[in-house]
Amino acid sequence: MNIQSILISDIVNLTSIKEYFSSDKNLLIQLIEVFISDTSPRLETLKKSLESVNYEELKSISHFLKSSLALMGVSCIEEIKDLEKSAEEKVSEEEIKTKINLIFPILEKSLLEYQSILDNLKVLN
């Protein structure tokens, strides 16, 4: 088994990861670990926003997520941009919650996929 055989996914687009990081297993592991550790708490904050919307926090989280999700090939970039704009404009809480409900499962599946990839990379010789 090699790195290329691990970097296969139907959930995330691994094109950028393959292009820039597939030749360095340790760097790839580090990148995925940072992505997971940075994104997981933000995912939890999004989940909490379903109960109580904090516009500034949502704007900040959305802004942060745009670049990391783009690099990591997560398919909800446009939705994140839209959430950031909506938080900036302070649209209704109902509308914000609808947007979060679209984004949340995508992020959750993406994190699980990257955890699986990370686990496989760590056992690779």
Protein backbone atom coordinates (compact mmCIF):
# COMPACT_ATOMS: atom_id res chain seq x y z
CA MET A 1 0.00 0.00 0.00
CA ASN A 2 1.28 3.48 -0.85
CA ILE A 3 0.11 7.06 -0.21
CA GLN A 4 -1.70 7.29 -3.56
CA SER A 5 -3.76 4.21 -2.77
CA ILE A 6 -4.87 5.81 0.51
CA LEU A 7 -5.73 9.16 -1.06
CA ILE A 8 -8.99 8.03 -2.63
CA SER A 9 -12.36 9.42 -1.60
CA ASP A 10 -15.93 9.83 -2.79
CA ILE A 11 -16.55 12.39 -0.04
CA VAL A 12 -13.76 14.94 -0.43
CA ASN A 13 -11.84 16.11 -3.49
CA LEU A 14 -8.22 15.15 -2.86
CA THR A 15 -6.74 16.79 -5.97
CA SER A 16 -4.90 19.59 -4.11
CA ILE A 17 -3.75 17.27 -1.36
CA LYS A 18 -2.35 14.82 -3.90
CA GLU A 19 -0.70 17.56 -5.92
CA TYR A 20 1.08 19.29 -3.05
CA PHE A 21 1.50 16.75 -0.27
CA SER A 22 1.42 13.17 -1.58
CA SER A 23 5.20 12.85 -1.69
CA ASP A 24 5.65 13.60 2.02
CA LYS A 25 3.76 11.27 4.34
CA ASN A 26 4.74 13.10 7.53
CA LEU A 27 3.69 16.48 6.18
CA LEU A 28 0.43 15.01 4.96
CA ILE A 29 -0.24 13.50 8.40
CA GLN A 30 0.51 16.84 10.02
CA LEU A 31 -1.78 18.69 7.61
CA ILE A 32 -4.70 16.34 8.22
CA GLU A 33 -4.18 16.40 11.99
CA VAL A 34 -4.26 20.20 12.00
CA PHE A 35 -7.33 20.24 9.77
CA ILE A 36 -9.18 17.87 12.09
CA SER A 37 -8.10 19.64 15.28
CA ASP A 38 -8.98 23.09 13.89
CA THR A 39 -12.25 22.10 12.24
CA SER A 40 -13.77 19.84 14.92
CA PRO A 41 -14.36 22.60 17.50
CA ARG A 42 -15.78 24.87 14.81
CA LEU A 43 -18.15 22.11 13.81
CA GLU A 44 -19.32 21.92 17.42
CA THR A 45 -19.88 25.68 17.47
CA LEU A 46 -21.96 25.39 14.30
CA LYS A 47 -24.01 22.70 16.01
CA LYS A 48 -24.56 24.95 19.04
CA SER A 49 -25.69 27.71 16.69
CA LEU A 50 -28.72 25.60 15.90
CA GLU A 51 -29.88 26.43 19.43
CA SER A 52 -28.64 30.00 19.73
CA VAL A 53 -27.27 32.03 16.81
CA ASN A 54 -24.20 34.16 17.47
CA TYR A 55 -23.72 36.18 14.27
CA GLU A 56 -20.17 37.36 15.01
CA GLU A 57 -19.01 33.88 15.90
CA LEU A 58 -20.62 32.41 12.78
CA LYS A 59 -19.03 35.07 10.60
CA SER A 60 -15.62 34.34 12.11
CA ILE A 61 -15.97 30.56 11.80
CA SER A 62 -17.21 30.80 8.22
CA HIS A 63 -14.35 33.06 7.26
CA PHE A 64 -11.81 30.68 8.78
CA LEU A 65 -13.36 27.61 7.17
CA LYS A 66 -13.40 29.00 3.61
CA SER A 67 -9.68 28.60 3.00
CA SER A 68 -9.13 25.36 4.89
CA LEU A 69 -12.13 23.66 3.26
CA ALA A 70 -10.95 24.78 -0.16
CA LEU A 71 -7.49 23.29 0.39
CA MET A 72 -8.94 20.09 1.82
CA GLY A 73 -11.46 19.65 -1.00
CA VAL A 74 -14.60 19.82 1.10
CA SER A 75 -17.61 20.40 -1.13
CA CYS A 76 -19.47 23.14 0.76
CA ILE A 77 -17.35 26.21 0.00
CA GLU A 78 -20.17 28.16 -1.61
CA GLU A 79 -22.47 27.32 1.30
CA ILE A 80 -19.84 28.52 3.78
CA LYS A 81 -19.42 31.78 1.85
CA ASP A 82 -23.19 32.20 1.89
CA LEU A 83 -23.31 31.53 5.64
CA GLU A 84 -20.60 34.12 6.25
CA LYS A 85 -22.50 36.70 4.19
CA SER A 86 -25.76 35.85 5.94
CA ALA A 87 -24.14 36.19 9.36
CA GLU A 88 -22.67 39.53 8.28
CA GLU A 89 -26.09 40.72 7.16
CA LYS A 90 -27.74 39.23 10.27
CA VAL A 91 -30.47 37.45 8.36
CA SER A 92 -33.15 35.63 10.34
CA GLU A 93 -32.09 32.89 12.72
CA GLU A 94 -34.33 30.47 10.84
CA GLU A 95 -32.44 31.14 7.61
CA ILE A 96 -29.07 30.76 9.37
CA LYS A 97 -30.16 27.46 10.89
CA THR A 98 -31.30 26.18 7.48
CA LYS A 99 -27.85 26.98 6.08
CA ILE A 100 -26.10 25.27 8.99
CA ASN A 101 -28.27 22.19 8.50
CA LEU A 102 -26.98 21.98 4.91
CA ILE A 103 -23.33 22.46 5.88
CA PHE A 104 -23.10 20.40 9.06
CA PRO A 105 -23.48 16.88 7.58
CA ILE A 106 -20.97 17.65 4.82
CA LEU A 107 -18.38 18.81 7.35
CA GLU A 108 -19.10 15.89 9.63
CA LYS A 109 -18.65 13.33 6.83
CA SER A 110 -15.50 15.12 5.64
CA LEU A 111 -13.94 14.98 9.09
CA LEU A 112 -14.72 11.28 9.37
CA GLU A 113 -13.22 10.69 5.93
CA TYR A 114 -10.04 12.54 6.83
CA GLN A 115 -9.80 10.65 10.12
CA SER A 116 -9.95 7.40 8.16
CA ILE A 117 -7.29 8.62 5.72
CA LEU A 118 -5.12 9.73 8.65
CA ASP A 119 -5.47 6.37 10.39
CA ASN A 120 -4.41 4.59 7.18
CA LEU A 121 -1.45 6.92 6.66
CA LYS A 122 -0.19 6.33 10.17
CA VAL A 123 0.06 2.58 9.66
CA LEU A 124 1.71 2.96 6.26
CA ASN A 125 5.41 2.05 6.21
